Amino acid sequence: MIYDKVHELVRDIKASPEFRELKAAREKLEKNSESQKVLQDFHVKRFEIQSMQMQGKEIPVEKKQEYEKMVELIRLHPTVSEYLEAEYKMAKIMEDIQKIIIDGLEFKPFEKE
């Protein structure tokens, strides 16, 4: 029963405008190897910076500059920009769904007393 509901949710997500937009953006991206490379490089740079932030490390100026250059490069590639925007919208929906489930279950982490 619960799995049927999950499959129904998946069907609803696939039918959403946000998912269709992401799928179309991905198909467009797959036709352009240069844009794919730009996206891959961007993901690597973003991951490096996020990892450093999560570890509490200071991000070197050169890393920040490299990331800013990647952001500028992405602006020159509308296919990549469209994909990232669609990816963000879909990630936001997934985050909202997860929050709704967790809040609905009233599952809270242990708190210090």
Protein backbone atom coordinates (compact mmCIF):
# COMPACT_ATOMS: atom_id res chain seq x y z
CA MET A 1 0.00 0.00 0.00
CA ILE A 2 2.69 2.51 1.01
CA TYR A 3 4.79 1.58 -2.03
CA ASP A 4 1.80 2.16 -4.28
CA LYS A 5 1.58 5.70 -2.91
CA VAL A 6 5.28 6.23 -3.55
CA HIS A 7 4.88 5.05 -7.15
CA GLU A 8 1.91 7.39 -7.50
CA LEU A 9 4.07 10.25 -6.21
CA VAL A 10 6.76 9.37 -8.76
CA ARG A 11 4.17 9.46 -11.55
CA ASP A 12 2.96 12.84 -10.30
CA ILE A 13 6.50 14.19 -10.17
CA LYS A 14 7.19 12.96 -13.71
CA ALA A 15 4.02 14.72 -14.88
CA SER A 16 5.00 18.00 -13.21
CA PRO A 17 6.09 20.98 -15.33
CA GLU A 18 9.31 21.16 -13.31
CA PHE A 19 10.30 17.59 -14.13
CA ARG A 20 9.39 17.99 -17.80
CA GLU A 21 11.48 21.16 -17.89
CA LEU A 22 14.44 19.34 -16.32
CA LYS A 23 14.10 16.44 -18.75
CA ALA A 24 13.96 18.79 -21.75
CA ALA A 25 16.96 20.76 -20.48
CA ARG A 26 18.91 17.52 -20.00
CA GLU A 27 18.08 16.32 -23.51
CA LYS A 28 19.24 19.65 -24.89
CA LEU A 29 22.43 19.45 -22.85
CA GLU A 30 23.15 15.90 -24.05
CA LYS A 31 23.38 17.22 -27.62
CA ASN A 32 26.19 19.64 -26.76
CA SER A 33 29.45 18.14 -25.48
CA GLU A 34 30.98 21.55 -24.76
CA SER A 35 28.06 22.47 -22.50
CA GLN A 36 28.32 19.07 -20.80
CA LYS A 37 31.99 19.75 -20.04
CA VAL A 38 31.17 23.20 -18.63
CA LEU A 39 28.49 21.67 -16.41
CA GLN A 40 30.79 18.88 -15.19
CA ASP A 41 33.55 21.37 -14.38
CA PHE A 42 31.07 23.57 -12.53
CA HIS A 43 29.80 20.65 -10.45
CA VAL A 44 33.39 19.74 -9.51
CA LYS A 45 34.23 23.31 -8.46
CA ARG A 46 30.98 23.67 -6.52
CA PHE A 47 31.57 20.34 -4.75
CA GLU A 48 35.12 21.36 -3.79
CA ILE A 49 33.90 24.61 -2.26
CA GLN A 50 30.96 22.98 -0.48
CA SER A 51 33.25 20.29 0.95
CA MET A 52 35.62 22.91 2.30
CA GLN A 53 32.73 24.86 3.83
CA MET A 54 31.32 21.74 5.48
CA GLN A 55 34.73 20.99 6.98
CA GLY A 56 34.94 24.53 8.32
CA LYS A 57 37.94 25.32 6.15
CA GLU A 58 38.54 28.76 4.74
CA ILE A 59 38.14 28.88 0.99
CA PRO A 60 41.30 30.18 -0.70
CA VAL A 61 40.89 33.30 -2.80
CA GLU A 62 42.00 31.47 -5.95
CA LYS A 63 39.27 28.83 -5.44
CA LYS A 64 36.66 31.58 -5.07
CA GLN A 65 37.96 33.24 -8.23
CA GLU A 66 37.89 29.95 -10.16
CA TYR A 67 34.29 29.42 -9.06
CA GLU A 68 33.31 32.97 -10.06
CA LYS A 69 34.89 32.41 -13.48
CA MET A 70 32.85 29.23 -13.86
CA VAL A 71 29.67 31.15 -13.02
CA GLU A 72 30.56 33.72 -15.69
CA LEU A 73 31.28 30.94 -18.18
CA ILE A 74 27.90 29.39 -17.47
CA ARG A 75 26.23 32.69 -18.34
CA LEU A 76 27.75 32.30 -21.81
CA HIS A 77 26.15 28.86 -22.14
CA PRO A 78 22.35 29.24 -22.04
CA THR A 79 21.93 25.46 -22.28
CA VAL A 80 23.87 25.01 -19.04
CA SER A 81 22.06 27.89 -17.34
CA GLU A 82 18.68 26.45 -18.28
CA TYR A 83 19.69 23.03 -17.02
CA LEU A 84 20.98 24.36 -13.69
CA GLU A 85 17.82 26.39 -13.18
CA ALA A 86 15.64 23.36 -13.91
CA GLU A 87 17.82 21.19 -11.67
CA TYR A 88 17.44 23.72 -8.84
CA LYS A 89 13.65 23.79 -9.19
CA MET A 90 13.47 20.01 -9.08
CA ALA A 91 15.84 19.81 -6.10
CA LYS A 92 13.64 22.32 -4.27
CA ILE A 93 10.57 20.15 -4.86
CA MET A 94 12.41 17.06 -3.59
CA GLU A 95 13.59 18.98 -0.53
CA ASP A 96 10.02 20.17 0.15
CA ILE A 97 8.68 16.61 -0.17
CA GLN A 98 11.29 15.32 2.26
CA LYS A 99 10.44 18.10 4.75
CA ILE A 100 6.71 17.38 4.48
CA ILE A 101 7.32 13.69 5.20
CA ILE A 102 9.66 14.31 8.13
CA ASP A 103 7.40 16.99 9.63
CA GLY A 104 4.35 14.80 9.11
CA LEU A 105 5.99 11.93 10.95
CA GLU A 106 6.92 14.32 13.75
CA PHE A 107 10.40 12.85 13.67
CA LYS A 108 12.71 15.16 15.53
CA PRO A 109 16.34 14.60 16.41
CA PHE A 110 17.30 14.13 20.03
CA GLU A 111 17.96 17.41 21.72
CA LYS A 112 20.43 18.15 24.49
CA GLU A 113 18.83 18.79 27.83
